[in-house]
């Protein structure tokens, strides 16, 4: 069952609270997992040091949050930092996700399956964040990770969902999870895009971005080589691989699950009248379903939660579901429980 946690204070204190939240799962599962071993192969590397230095230089508050996270987890700070760089260093990190984007007249609707490591089932939650310096926000949280790489809504009315991109071409730059954490501090979509375009980037993500009081809905793909932001004009779906024409030439890993979810999801969409929750609950492709709960999923990913976010003129109303067909586990308005 998804948990609810309230976090406040300095960046270090917020990181500490996140660490305490995830400590049990980190010690009982994560540090013994093949995923952890794959990322820890980069201990002491020049790439790891360069990313840490860039984080300290440009986003010292995020660096403090990471240090607090390590303290709360009771794990070495360099190891925790590396884990939060996993998608920059390793193209097969267990982070998936599928998102339906609907540009509706009354305001955008973003509906998102958060897919992650099945070993974290029962250890995830929704964090309600009230930083001393910076806007409040609510975000899905995983053990041992900073917020911002899943789905979130901020006090400024920004709604963001995040899909993994498995880029084969990375560079020395800011870790993608540091960048998306920094986006939660921005006051507008344009400010968020400015951060992405203005910084060197190591790895990449796909983002859906919308904001309270605005009708625009953006699909954003970024990696070390570029940033592509497109206004969504009709019902669309993204299943964690690059699909923008301007980004298509960059090398990436497209798993069979990602390919099938993209193709099947696009087939299921029917203009603006399709129920996005039904699309994201679909399991008719038994081998590569959109909603993933198989113990032996082909990418070792399961759907941990589904967020249904309605971005209106005055506020953002959203629900978080644990399983299709069940009542919402949490109902929120903007960055707080409704």
C-alpha atoms as a PDB file:
ATOM      1  CA  UNK A   1       0.000   0.000   0.000  1.00  0.00           C
ATOM      2  CA  UNK A   2       1.215   3.481  -0.877  1.00  0.00           C
ATOM      3  CA  UNK A   3       2.240   5.524   2.131  1.00  0.00           C
ATOM      4  CA  UNK A   4       1.871   9.251   2.783  1.00  0.00           C
ATOM      5  CA  UNK A   5       4.777  11.233   4.196  1.00  0.00           C
ATOM      6  CA  UNK A   6       5.057  14.942   5.011  1.00  0.00           C
ATOM      7  CA  UNK A   7       8.508  16.521   4.686  1.00  0.00           C
ATOM      8  CA  UNK A   8       9.660  20.001   5.643  1.00  0.00           C
ATOM      9  CA  UNK A   9      12.752  21.954   6.586  1.00  0.00           C
ATOM     10  CA  UNK A  10      16.101  22.568   4.939  1.00  0.00           C
ATOM     11  CA  UNK A  11      17.207  20.555   1.895  1.00  0.00           C
ATOM     12  CA  UNK A  12      19.364  18.377   4.150  1.00  0.00           C
ATOM     13  CA  UNK A  13      16.493  17.779   6.579  1.00  0.00           C
ATOM     14  CA  UNK A  14      14.128  16.880   3.750  1.00  0.00           C
ATOM     15  CA  UNK A  15      16.720  14.474   2.402  1.00  0.00           C
ATOM     16  CA  UNK A  16      17.113  12.910   5.849  1.00  0.00           C
ATOM     17  CA  UNK A  17      13.374  12.313   6.086  1.00  0.00           C
ATOM     18  CA  UNK A  18      13.367  10.749   2.625  1.00  0.00           C
ATOM     19  CA  UNK A  19      16.243   8.521   3.689  1.00  0.00           C
ATOM     20  CA  UNK A  20      14.480   7.338   6.821  1.00  0.00           C
ATOM     21  CA  UNK A  21      11.385   6.624   4.723  1.00  0.00           C
ATOM     22  CA  UNK A  22      13.345   4.390   2.346  1.00  0.00           C
ATOM     23  CA  UNK A  23      15.942   2.885   4.676  1.00  0.00           C
ATOM     24  CA  UNK A  24      14.209  -0.447   5.257  1.00  0.00           C
ATOM     25  CA  UNK A  25      13.761  -1.140   1.537  1.00  0.00           C
ATOM     26  CA  UNK A  26      17.279   0.079   0.768  1.00  0.00           C
ATOM     27  CA  UNK A  27      18.920  -2.298   3.234  1.00  0.00           C
ATOM     28  CA  UNK A  28      16.605  -5.293   2.809  1.00  0.00           C
ATOM     29  CA  UNK A  29      16.431  -5.178  -0.986  1.00  0.00           C
ATOM     30  CA  UNK A  30      18.143  -2.414  -2.945  1.00  0.00           C
ATOM     31  CA  UNK A  31      21.795  -2.797  -1.945  1.00  0.00           C
ATOM     32  CA  UNK A  32      21.609  -6.551  -2.592  1.00  0.00           C
ATOM     33  CA  UNK A  33      20.015  -6.146  -6.044  1.00  0.00           C
ATOM     34  CA  UNK A  34      21.686  -6.563  -9.448  1.00  0.00           C
ATOM     35  CA  UNK A  35      20.582  -3.008 -10.299  1.00  0.00           C
ATOM     36  CA  UNK A  36      22.604  -1.595  -7.409  1.00  0.00           C
ATOM     37  CA  UNK A  37      25.642  -3.654  -8.410  1.00  0.00           C
ATOM     38  CA  UNK A  38      25.416  -2.401 -12.007  1.00  0.00           C
ATOM     39  CA  UNK A  39      25.438   1.230 -10.908  1.00  0.00           C
ATOM     40  CA  UNK A  40      28.100   0.803  -8.208  1.00  0.00           C
ATOM     41  CA  UNK A  41      30.529  -0.336 -10.906  1.00  0.00           C
ATOM     42  CA  UNK A  42      31.002   3.433 -11.464  1.00  0.00           C
ATOM     43  CA  UNK A  43      32.333   4.077  -7.949  1.00  0.00           C
ATOM     44  CA  UNK A  44      35.333   6.388  -8.057  1.00  0.00           C
ATOM     45  CA  UNK A  45      34.947   7.134 -11.769  1.00  0.00           C
ATOM     46  CA  UNK A  46      35.758  10.459 -13.356  1.00  0.00           C
ATOM     47  CA  UNK A  47      32.173  10.650 -14.663  1.00  0.00           C
ATOM     48  CA  UNK A  48      30.724  10.280 -11.157  1.00  0.00           C
ATOM     49  CA  UNK A  49      33.016  12.991  -9.760  1.00  0.00           C
ATOM     50  CA  UNK A  50      32.229  15.355 -12.613  1.00  0.00           C
ATOM     51  CA  UNK A  51      28.468  14.942 -12.114  1.00  0.00           C
ATOM     52  CA  UNK A  52      28.821  15.522  -8.373  1.00  0.00           C
ATOM     53  CA  UNK A  53      30.905  18.651  -8.967  1.00  0.00           C
ATOM     54  CA  UNK A  54      28.370  20.032 -11.458  1.00  0.00           C
ATOM     55  CA  UNK A  55      25.510  19.349  -9.046  1.00  0.00           C
ATOM     56  CA  UNK A  56      27.334  21.192  -6.254  1.00  0.00           C
ATOM     57  CA  UNK A  57      28.094  24.116  -8.576  1.00  0.00           C
ATOM     58  CA  UNK A  58      24.682  24.657 -10.145  1.00  0.00           C
ATOM     59  CA  UNK A  59      22.197  23.110  -7.700  1.00  0.00           C
ATOM     60  CA  UNK A  60      23.796  23.076  -4.229  1.00  0.00           C
ATOM     61  CA  UNK A  61      20.392  22.681  -2.568  1.00  0.00           C
ATOM     62  CA  UNK A  62      19.818  19.424  -4.481  1.00  0.00           C
ATOM     63  CA  UNK A  63      23.292  18.280  -3.467  1.00  0.00           C
ATOM     64  CA  UNK A  64      22.355  18.960   0.171  1.00  0.00           C
ATOM     65  CA  UNK A  65      19.154  16.962  -0.298  1.00  0.00           C
ATOM     66  CA  UNK A  66      21.228  14.057  -1.618  1.00  0.00           C
ATOM     67  CA  UNK A  67      23.618  14.287   1.331  1.00  0.00           C
ATOM     68  CA  UNK A  68      20.671  14.268   3.713  1.00  0.00           C
ATOM     69  CA  UNK A  69      19.214  11.294   1.838  1.00  0.00           C
ATOM     70  CA  UNK A  70      22.434   9.353   2.406  1.00  0.00           C
ATOM     71  CA  UNK A  71      22.424  10.280   6.082  1.00  0.00           C
ATOM     72  CA  UNK A  72      18.860   9.085   6.525  1.00  0.00           C
ATOM     73  CA  UNK A  73      19.582   5.877   4.626  1.00  0.00           C
ATOM     74  CA  UNK A  74      22.816   5.314   6.564  1.00  0.00           C
ATOM     75  CA  UNK A  75      24.630   4.622   3.308  1.00  0.00           C
ATOM     76  CA  UNK A  76      27.790   6.230   1.849  1.00  0.00           C
ATOM     77  CA  UNK A  77      26.991   9.587   0.207  1.00  0.00           C
ATOM     78  CA  UNK A  78      28.908   8.732  -2.968  1.00  0.00           C
ATOM     79  CA  UNK A  79      26.914   5.502  -3.366  1.00  0.00           C
ATOM     80  CA  UNK A  80      23.587   7.277  -2.895  1.00  0.00           C
ATOM     81  CA  UNK A  81      24.597   9.964  -5.374  1.00  0.00           C
ATOM     82  CA  UNK A  82      25.532   7.260  -7.901  1.00  0.00           C
ATOM     83  CA  UNK A  83      22.167   5.531  -7.439  1.00  0.00           C
ATOM     84  CA  UNK A  84      20.500   8.836  -8.276  1.00  0.00           C
ATOM     85  CA  UNK A  85      22.591   8.931 -11.463  1.00  0.00           C
ATOM     86  CA  UNK A  86      21.574   5.404 -12.490  1.00  0.00           C
ATOM     87  CA  UNK A  87      19.880   6.354 -15.748  1.00  0.00           C
ATOM     88  CA  UNK A  88      22.826   8.528 -16.766  1.00  0.00           C
ATOM     89  CA  UNK A  89      25.293   5.684 -16.358  1.00  0.00           C
ATOM     90  CA  UNK A  90      23.257   2.582 -17.201  1.00  0.00           C
ATOM     91  CA  UNK A  91      20.712   2.385 -20.018  1.00  0.00           C
ATOM     92  CA  UNK A  92      18.776  -0.501 -18.458  1.00  0.00           C
ATOM     93  CA  UNK A  93      17.880   1.073 -15.119  1.00  0.00           C
ATOM     94  CA  UNK A  94      14.478  -0.344 -14.021  1.00  0.00           C
ATOM     95  CA  UNK A  95      12.451   2.813 -14.686  1.00  0.00           C
ATOM     96  CA  UNK A  96       9.735   2.595 -17.340  1.00  0.00           C
ATOM     97  CA  UNK A  97       6.339   4.376 -17.421  1.00  0.00           C
ATOM     98  CA  UNK A  98       3.558   5.127 -19.917  1.00  0.00           C
ATOM     99  CA  UNK A  99       1.753   8.478 -20.206  1.00  0.00           C
ATOM    100  CA  UNK A 100      -1.448   9.549 -21.967  1.00  0.00           C
ATOM    101  CA  UNK A 101      -1.631  13.257 -22.846  1.00  0.00           C
ATOM    102  CA  UNK A 102      -4.996  14.894 -23.577  1.00  0.00           C
ATOM    103  CA  UNK A 103      -5.113  18.599 -24.599  1.00  0.00           C
ATOM    104  CA  UNK A 104      -8.698  19.283 -23.491  1.00  0.00           C
ATOM    105  CA  UNK A 105     -10.590  22.568 -23.839  1.00  0.00           C
ATOM    106  CA  UNK A 106     -11.028  22.963 -20.082  1.00  0.00           C
ATOM    107  CA  UNK A 107      -7.361  22.297 -19.417  1.00  0.00           C
ATOM    108  CA  UNK A 108      -4.871  19.496 -20.065  1.00  0.00           C
ATOM    109  CA  UNK A 109      -5.240  16.029 -18.606  1.00  0.00           C
ATOM    110  CA  UNK A 110      -2.137  13.924 -17.998  1.00  0.00           C
ATOM    111  CA  UNK A 111      -2.590  10.299 -16.971  1.00  0.00           C
ATOM    112  CA  UNK A 112       0.499   8.316 -16.082  1.00  0.00           C
ATOM    113  CA  UNK A 113       1.508   4.782 -15.142  1.00  0.00           C
ATOM    114  CA  UNK A 114       4.521   4.916 -12.833  1.00  0.00           C
ATOM    115  CA  UNK A 115       6.521   1.751 -13.587  1.00  0.00           C
ATOM    116  CA  UNK A 116       9.477   0.749 -11.466  1.00  0.00           C
ATOM    117  CA  UNK A 117      11.373  -2.046  -9.772  1.00  0.00           C
ATOM    118  CA  UNK A 118       8.909  -4.640  -8.363  1.00  0.00           C
ATOM    119  CA  UNK A 119      11.202  -5.007  -5.355  1.00  0.00           C
ATOM    120  CA  UNK A 120       9.927  -1.620  -4.168  1.00  0.00           C
ATOM    121  CA  UNK A 121       6.275  -2.730  -3.952  1.00  0.00           C
ATOM    122  CA  UNK A 122       4.922  -1.666  -0.572  1.00  0.00           C
ATOM    123  CA  UNK A 123       7.781   0.778  -0.001  1.00  0.00           C
ATOM    124  CA  UNK A 124       6.710   3.741  -2.160  1.00  0.00           C
ATOM    125  CA  UNK A 125       4.456   6.660  -1.414  1.00  0.00           C
ATOM    126  CA  UNK A 126       3.344  10.215  -1.960  1.00  0.00           C
ATOM    127  CA  UNK A 127       5.476  12.917  -0.386  1.00  0.00           C
ATOM    128  CA  UNK A 128       4.020  16.294   0.589  1.00  0.00           C
ATOM    129  CA  UNK A 129       7.026  18.622   0.558  1.00  0.00           C
ATOM    130  CA  UNK A 130       7.236  22.005   2.314  1.00  0.00           C
ATOM    131  CA  UNK A 131      10.837  23.222   1.841  1.00  0.00           C
ATOM    132  CA  UNK A 132      12.146  26.189   3.801  1.00  0.00           C
ATOM    133  CA  UNK A 133      13.395  27.730   0.556  1.00  0.00           C
ATOM    134  CA  UNK A 134      11.379  26.949  -2.548  1.00  0.00           C
ATOM    135  CA  UNK A 135       7.801  26.107  -3.471  1.00  0.00           C
ATOM    136  CA  UNK A 136       5.928  23.232  -1.934  1.00  0.00           C
ATOM    137  CA  UNK A 137       5.026  20.244  -4.052  1.00  0.00           C
ATOM    138  CA  UNK A 138       3.633  16.723  -3.915  1.00  0.00           C
ATOM    139  CA  UNK A 139       5.421  13.856  -5.616  1.00  0.00           C
ATOM    140  CA  UNK A 140       5.495  10.087  -5.918  1.00  0.00           C
ATOM    141  CA  UNK A 141       8.608   8.833  -4.126  1.00  0.00           C
ATOM    142  CA  UNK A 142      10.775   5.724  -4.312  1.00  0.00           C
ATOM    143  CA  UNK A 143      13.151   4.520  -1.597  1.00  0.00           C
ATOM    144  CA  UNK A 144      16.668   5.993  -1.899  1.00  0.00           C
ATOM    145  CA  UNK A 145      15.729   8.517  -4.606  1.00  0.00           C
ATOM    146  CA  UNK A 146      15.156  12.249  -4.596  1.00  0.00           C
ATOM    147  CA  UNK A 147      11.751  13.400  -5.921  1.00  0.00           C
ATOM    148  CA  UNK A 148      11.125  14.774  -9.380  1.00  0.00           C
ATOM    149  CA  UNK A 149      11.675  11.761 -11.638  1.00  0.00           C
ATOM    150  CA  UNK A 150       8.167  10.277 -11.294  1.00  0.00           C
ATOM    151  CA  UNK A 151       5.055  12.508 -11.183  1.00  0.00           C
ATOM    152  CA  UNK A 152       4.549  15.701  -9.236  1.00  0.00           C
ATOM    153  CA  UNK A 153       2.437  18.843  -8.869  1.00  0.00           C
ATOM    154  CA  UNK A 154       3.827  22.059  -7.386  1.00  0.00           C
ATOM    155  CA  UNK A 155       2.427  25.071  -5.554  1.00  0.00           C
ATOM    156  CA  UNK A 156       3.104  27.079  -8.717  1.00  0.00           C
ATOM    157  CA  UNK A 157       0.595  24.839 -10.489  1.00  0.00           C
ATOM    158  CA  UNK A 158       3.171  22.941 -12.532  1.00  0.00           C
ATOM    159  CA  UNK A 159       2.196  19.353 -13.287  1.00  0.00           C
ATOM    160  CA  UNK A 160       4.977  17.044 -14.463  1.00  0.00           C
ATOM    161  CA  UNK A 161       5.193  13.366 -15.300  1.00  0.00           C
ATOM    162  CA  UNK A 162       8.454  11.654 -16.225  1.00  0.00           C
ATOM    163  CA  UNK A 163       9.263   8.716 -18.491  1.00  0.00           C
ATOM    164  CA  UNK A 164      12.589   6.945 -18.734  1.00  0.00           C
ATOM    165  CA  UNK A 165      14.667   7.296 -21.919  1.00  0.00           C
ATOM    166  CA  UNK A 166      17.397   4.716 -22.371  1.00  0.00           C
ATOM    167  CA  UNK A 167      20.000   6.772 -24.156  1.00  0.00           C
ATOM    168  CA  UNK A 168      23.150   5.037 -25.408  1.00  0.00           C
ATOM    169  CA  UNK A 169      24.993   8.321 -25.814  1.00  0.00           C
ATOM    170  CA  UNK A 170      25.616  10.148 -22.569  1.00  0.00           C
ATOM    171  CA  UNK A 171      28.011  12.953 -21.752  1.00  0.00           C
ATOM    172  CA  UNK A 172      29.548  14.648 -18.752  1.00  0.00           C
ATOM    173  CA  UNK A 173      26.745  16.833 -17.488  1.00  0.00           C
ATOM    174  CA  UNK A 174      24.167  17.256 -14.788  1.00  0.00           C
ATOM    175  CA  UNK A 175      22.362  14.043 -13.805  1.00  0.00           C
ATOM    176  CA  UNK A 176      18.877  13.875 -15.233  1.00  0.00           C
ATOM    177  CA  UNK A 177      17.319  13.317 -11.784  1.00  0.00           C
ATOM    178  CA  UNK A 178      19.052  16.437 -10.458  1.00  0.00           C
ATOM    179  CA  UNK A 179      17.649  18.444 -13.366  1.00  0.00           C
ATOM    180  CA  UNK A 180      14.087  17.221 -12.917  1.00  0.00           C
ATOM    181  CA  UNK A 181      14.316  17.832  -9.157  1.00  0.00           C
ATOM    182  CA  UNK A 182      15.344  21.403  -9.978  1.00  0.00           C
ATOM    183  CA  UNK A 183      12.330  21.774 -12.285  1.00  0.00           C
ATOM    184  CA  UNK A 184      10.019  21.443  -9.274  1.00  0.00           C
ATOM    185  CA  UNK A 185      11.390  24.789  -8.049  1.00  0.00           C
ATOM    186  CA  UNK A 186      10.463  26.650 -11.245  1.00  0.00           C
ATOM    187  CA  UNK A 187       7.544  29.060 -11.459  1.00  0.00           C
ATOM    188  CA  UNK A 188       6.533  28.389 -15.071  1.00  0.00           C
ATOM    189  CA  UNK A 189       6.834  25.936 -17.953  1.00  0.00           C
ATOM    190  CA  UNK A 190       9.118  28.342 -19.784  1.00  0.00           C
ATOM    191  CA  UNK A 191      11.410  28.575 -16.773  1.00  0.00           C
ATOM    192  CA  UNK A 192      11.531  24.783 -16.621  1.00  0.00           C
ATOM    193  CA  UNK A 193      12.406  24.532 -20.306  1.00  0.00           C
ATOM    194  CA  UNK A 194      15.037  27.218 -19.781  1.00  0.00           C
ATOM    195  CA  UNK A 195      16.747  25.090 -17.130  1.00  0.00           C
ATOM    196  CA  UNK A 196      16.858  22.084 -19.450  1.00  0.00           C
ATOM    197  CA  UNK A 197      18.146  24.087 -22.408  1.00  0.00           C
ATOM    198  CA  UNK A 198      20.634  26.106 -20.406  1.00  0.00           C
ATOM    199  CA  UNK A 199      22.423  23.266 -18.615  1.00  0.00           C
ATOM    200  CA  UNK A 200      24.710  20.477 -19.735  1.00  0.00           C
ATOM    201  CA  UNK A 201      22.815  17.186 -19.495  1.00  0.00           C
ATOM    202  CA  UNK A 202      24.157  13.703 -18.821  1.00  0.00           C
ATOM    203  CA  UNK A 203      21.183  11.415 -19.495  1.00  0.00           C
ATOM    204  CA  UNK A 204      17.623  11.980 -20.653  1.00  0.00           C
ATOM    205  CA  UNK A 205      13.938  11.811 -19.835  1.00  0.00           C
ATOM    206  CA  UNK A 206      10.588  12.456 -21.442  1.00  0.00           C
ATOM    207  CA  UNK A 207       8.382  14.952 -19.605  1.00  0.00           C
ATOM    208  CA  UNK A 208       4.741  15.929 -19.834  1.00  0.00           C
ATOM    209  CA  UNK A 209       4.391  19.516 -18.614  1.00  0.00           C
ATOM    210  CA  UNK A 210       1.295  21.633 -17.977  1.00  0.00           C
ATOM    211  CA  UNK A 211       0.441  24.501 -15.660  1.00  0.00           C
ATOM    212  CA  UNK A 212      -2.612  25.714 -13.807  1.00  0.00           C
ATOM    213  CA  UNK A 213      -4.320  28.545 -15.673  1.00  0.00           C
ATOM    214  CA  UNK A 214      -2.777  27.677 -19.037  1.00  0.00           C
ATOM    215  CA  UNK A 215      -4.124  25.528 -21.835  1.00  0.00           C
ATOM    216  CA  UNK A 216      -0.769  24.370 -23.221  1.00  0.00           C
ATOM    217  CA  UNK A 217       0.400  20.789 -22.768  1.00  0.00           C
ATOM    218  CA  UNK A 218       4.005  20.032 -23.661  1.00  0.00           C
ATOM    219  CA  UNK A 219       5.752  16.814 -24.559  1.00  0.00           C
ATOM    220  CA  UNK A 220       9.465  17.245 -23.840  1.00  0.00           C
ATOM    221  CA  UNK A 221      12.312  14.886 -24.697  1.00  0.00           C
ATOM    222  CA  UNK A 222      15.835  15.694 -23.568  1.00  0.00           C
ATOM    223  CA  UNK A 223      19.184  13.969 -23.457  1.00  0.00           C
ATOM    224  CA  UNK A 224      22.861  14.886 -23.614  1.00  0.00           C
ATOM    225  CA  UNK A 225      22.534  15.944 -27.243  1.00  0.00           C
ATOM    226  CA  UNK A 226      19.429  18.094 -27.242  1.00  0.00           C
ATOM    227  CA  UNK A 227      16.041  19.234 -25.954  1.00  0.00           C
ATOM    228  CA  UNK A 228      12.807  18.925 -27.933  1.00  0.00           C
ATOM    229  CA  UNK A 229       9.607  20.566 -26.642  1.00  0.00           C
ATOM    230  CA  UNK A 230       6.417  20.073 -28.632  1.00  0.00           C
ATOM    231  CA  UNK A 231       2.929  21.374 -27.893  1.00  0.00           C
ATOM    232  CA  UNK A 232       0.501  18.444 -27.796  1.00  0.00           C
ATOM    233  CA  UNK A 233      -2.353  19.187 -30.205  1.00  0.00           C
ATOM    234  CA  UNK A 234      -4.253  15.882 -30.051  1.00  0.00           C
ATOM    235  CA  UNK A 235      -4.465  12.810 -27.836  1.00  0.00           C
ATOM    236  CA  UNK A 236      -0.998  11.294 -27.534  1.00  0.00           C
ATOM    237  CA  UNK A 237       0.869   8.578 -25.684  1.00  0.00           C
ATOM    238  CA  UNK A 238       4.488   8.154 -24.653  1.00  0.00           C
ATOM    239  CA  UNK A 239       6.032   4.844 -23.570  1.00  0.00           C
ATOM    240  CA  UNK A 240       9.600   5.647 -22.541  1.00  0.00           C
ATOM    241  CA  UNK A 241      11.574   5.868 -25.741  1.00  0.00           C
ATOM    242  CA  UNK A 242      12.354   8.843 -27.977  1.00  0.00           C
ATOM    243  CA  UNK A 243       9.634   9.505 -30.580  1.00  0.00           C
ATOM    244  CA  UNK A 244      10.125  13.188 -31.516  1.00  0.00           C
ATOM    245  CA  UNK A 245      11.388  13.531 -35.072  1.00  0.00           C
ATOM    246  CA  UNK A 246      14.094  15.962 -34.024  1.00  0.00           C
ATOM    247  CA  UNK A 247      15.525  13.476 -31.525  1.00  0.00           C
ATOM    248  CA  UNK A 248      15.148  10.273 -33.527  1.00  0.00           C
ATOM    249  CA  UNK A 249      18.734  10.125 -34.757  1.00  0.00           C
ATOM    250  CA  UNK A 250      20.262   9.710 -31.316  1.00  0.00           C
ATOM    251  CA  UNK A 251      21.158   6.146 -30.258  1.00  0.00           C
ATOM    252  CA  UNK A 252      18.869   4.596 -27.679  1.00  0.00           C
ATOM    253  CA  UNK A 253      17.675   1.270 -26.318  1.00  0.00           C
ATOM    254  CA  UNK A 254      14.040   0.496 -27.182  1.00  0.00           C
ATOM    255  CA  UNK A 255      12.923  -2.606 -25.317  1.00  0.00           C
ATOM    256  CA  UNK A 256      10.166  -4.820 -26.690  1.00  0.00           C
ATOM    257  CA  UNK A 257       7.908  -3.746 -23.843  1.00  0.00           C
ATOM    258  CA  UNK A 258       8.471  -0.078 -24.632  1.00  0.00           C
ATOM    259  CA  UNK A 259       7.876  -0.625 -28.359  1.00  0.00           C
ATOM    260  CA  UNK A 260       4.695  -2.653 -27.850  1.00  0.00           C
ATOM    261  CA  UNK A 261       3.261  -0.249 -25.252  1.00  0.00           C
ATOM    262  CA  UNK A 262       3.797   2.672 -27.618  1.00  0.00           C
ATOM    263  CA  UNK A 263       2.227   0.928 -30.601  1.00  0.00           C
ATOM    264  CA  UNK A 264      -0.671  -0.629 -28.694  1.00  0.00           C
ATOM    265  CA  UNK A 265      -1.400   2.527 -26.710  1.00  0.00           C
ATOM    266  CA  UNK A 266      -1.560   4.664 -29.858  1.00  0.00           C
ATOM    267  CA  UNK A 267      -3.964   2.131 -31.377  1.00  0.00           C
ATOM    268  CA  UNK A 268      -6.211   2.306 -28.309  1.00  0.00           C
ATOM    269  CA  UNK A 269      -6.408   6.111 -28.315  1.00  0.00           C
ATOM    270  CA  UNK A 270      -9.487   7.462 -30.076  1.00  0.00           C
ATOM    271  CA  UNK A 271      -9.339  11.224 -30.368  1.00  0.00           C
ATOM    272  CA  UNK A 272     -10.151  13.049 -27.140  1.00  0.00           C
ATOM    273  CA  UNK A 273     -12.924  10.687 -26.076  1.00  0.00           C
ATOM    274  CA  UNK A 274     -10.811   7.744 -24.945  1.00  0.00           C
ATOM    275  CA  UNK A 275     -10.666   7.046 -21.218  1.00  0.00           C
ATOM    276  CA  UNK A 276      -6.937   7.311 -20.442  1.00  0.00           C
ATOM    277  CA  UNK A 277      -7.356   5.202 -17.306  1.00  0.00           C
ATOM    278  CA  UNK A 278      -8.717   2.373 -19.473  1.00  0.00           C
ATOM    279  CA  UNK A 279      -5.762   2.699 -21.847  1.00  0.00           C
ATOM    280  CA  UNK A 280      -3.267   2.527 -18.988  1.00  0.00           C
ATOM    281  CA  UNK A 281      -5.082  -0.446 -17.411  1.00  0.00           C
ATOM    282  CA  UNK A 282      -4.980  -2.467 -20.634  1.00  0.00           C
ATOM    283  CA  UNK A 283      -3.452  -5.954 -20.476  1.00  0.00           C
ATOM    284  CA  UNK A 284      -4.760  -7.425 -23.722  1.00  0.00           C
ATOM    285  CA  UNK A 285      -1.194  -7.876 -24.981  1.00  0.00           C
ATOM    286  CA  UNK A 286      -0.357 -10.602 -22.481  1.00  0.00           C
ATOM    287  CA  UNK A 287       3.382 -10.596 -23.162  1.00  0.00           C
ATOM    288  CA  UNK A 288       3.863  -6.820 -23.216  1.00  0.00           C
ATOM    289  CA  UNK A 289       0.890  -5.250 -21.381  1.00  0.00           C
ATOM    290  CA  UNK A 290       0.525  -1.527 -20.736  1.00  0.00           C
ATOM    291  CA  UNK A 291      -0.416  -2.146 -17.103  1.00  0.00           C
ATOM    292  CA  UNK A 292       2.393  -4.326 -15.814  1.00  0.00           C
ATOM    293  CA  UNK A 293       2.109  -6.599 -12.793  1.00  0.00           C
ATOM    294  CA  UNK A 294       3.837  -9.797 -13.943  1.00  0.00           C
ATOM    295  CA  UNK A 295       6.465 -11.178 -11.544  1.00  0.00           C
ATOM    296  CA  UNK A 296       8.707 -11.812 -14.550  1.00  0.00           C
ATOM    297  CA  UNK A 297       8.102  -8.665 -16.558  1.00  0.00           C
ATOM    298  CA  UNK A 298      10.430  -8.491 -19.565  1.00  0.00           C
ATOM    299  CA  UNK A 299      12.030  -5.237 -18.305  1.00  0.00           C
ATOM    300  CA  UNK A 300      11.776  -6.157 -14.605  1.00  0.00           C
ATOM    301  CA  UNK A 301       9.275  -3.338 -14.087  1.00  0.00           C
ATOM    302  CA  UNK A 302       5.798  -3.231 -12.567  1.00  0.00           C
ATOM    303  CA  UNK A 303       3.211  -0.462 -12.399  1.00  0.00           C
ATOM    304  CA  UNK A 304       3.516   1.005  -8.908  1.00  0.00           C
ATOM    305  CA  UNK A 305       0.754   3.633  -9.216  1.00  0.00           C
ATOM    306  CA  UNK A 306      -1.340   5.563 -11.731  1.00  0.00           C
ATOM    307  CA  UNK A 307      -1.768   9.339 -11.539  1.00  0.00           C
ATOM    308  CA  UNK A 308      -4.689  11.100 -13.229  1.00  0.00           C
ATOM    309  CA  UNK A 309      -3.964  14.839 -13.320  1.00  0.00           C
ATOM    310  CA  UNK A 310      -6.517  17.456 -14.434  1.00  0.00           C
ATOM    311  CA  UNK A 311      -4.878  20.854 -14.934  1.00  0.00           C
ATOM    312  CA  UNK A 312      -7.620  23.470 -14.682  1.00  0.00           C
ATOM    313  CA  UNK A 313      -7.828  27.254 -14.858  1.00  0.00           C
ATOM    314  CA  UNK A 314      -7.779  27.697 -11.072  1.00  0.00           C
ATOM    315  CA  UNK A 315      -6.189  24.548  -9.643  1.00  0.00           C
ATOM    316  CA  UNK A 316      -4.814  21.113 -10.385  1.00  0.00           C
ATOM    317  CA  UNK A 317      -7.045  18.240  -9.282  1.00  0.00           C
ATOM    318  CA  UNK A 318      -5.517  14.798  -9.298  1.00  0.00           C
ATOM    319  CA  UNK A 319      -5.935  11.272  -8.058  1.00  0.00           C
ATOM    320  CA  UNK A 320      -3.427   8.521  -7.381  1.00  0.00           C
ATOM    321  CA  UNK A 321      -4.563   4.917  -7.881  1.00  0.00           C
ATOM    322  CA  UNK A 322      -2.848   1.745  -6.714  1.00  0.00           C
ATOM    323  CA  UNK A 323      -4.675  -0.640  -9.054  1.00  0.00           C
ATOM    324  CA  UNK A 324      -7.173  -0.323 -11.930  1.00  0.00           C
ATOM    325  CA  UNK A 325     -10.795  -0.491 -10.881  1.00  0.00           C
ATOM    326  CA  UNK A 326     -10.113   0.507  -7.288  1.00  0.00           C
ATOM    327  CA  UNK A 327     -10.986   3.807  -5.660  1.00  0.00           C
ATOM    328  CA  UNK A 328      -8.256   6.428  -5.607  1.00  0.00           C
ATOM    329  CA  UNK A 329      -5.759   5.943  -2.796  1.00  0.00           C
ATOM    330  CA  UNK A 330      -5.157   9.712  -2.625  1.00  0.00           C
ATOM    331  CA  UNK A 331      -7.077  12.720  -3.950  1.00  0.00           C
ATOM    332  CA  UNK A 332      -5.118  15.951  -4.139  1.00  0.00           C
ATOM    333  CA  UNK A 333      -5.620  19.579  -5.107  1.00  0.00           C
ATOM    334  CA  UNK A 334      -2.491  21.353  -6.300  1.00  0.00           C
ATOM    335  CA  UNK A 335       0.330  20.282  -3.925  1.00  0.00           C
ATOM    336  CA  UNK A 336      -1.788  19.093  -0.979  1.00  0.00           C
ATOM    337  CA  UNK A 337      -4.389  16.515  -0.056  1.00  0.00           C
ATOM    338  CA  UNK A 338      -7.865  17.645  -1.058  1.00  0.00           C
END
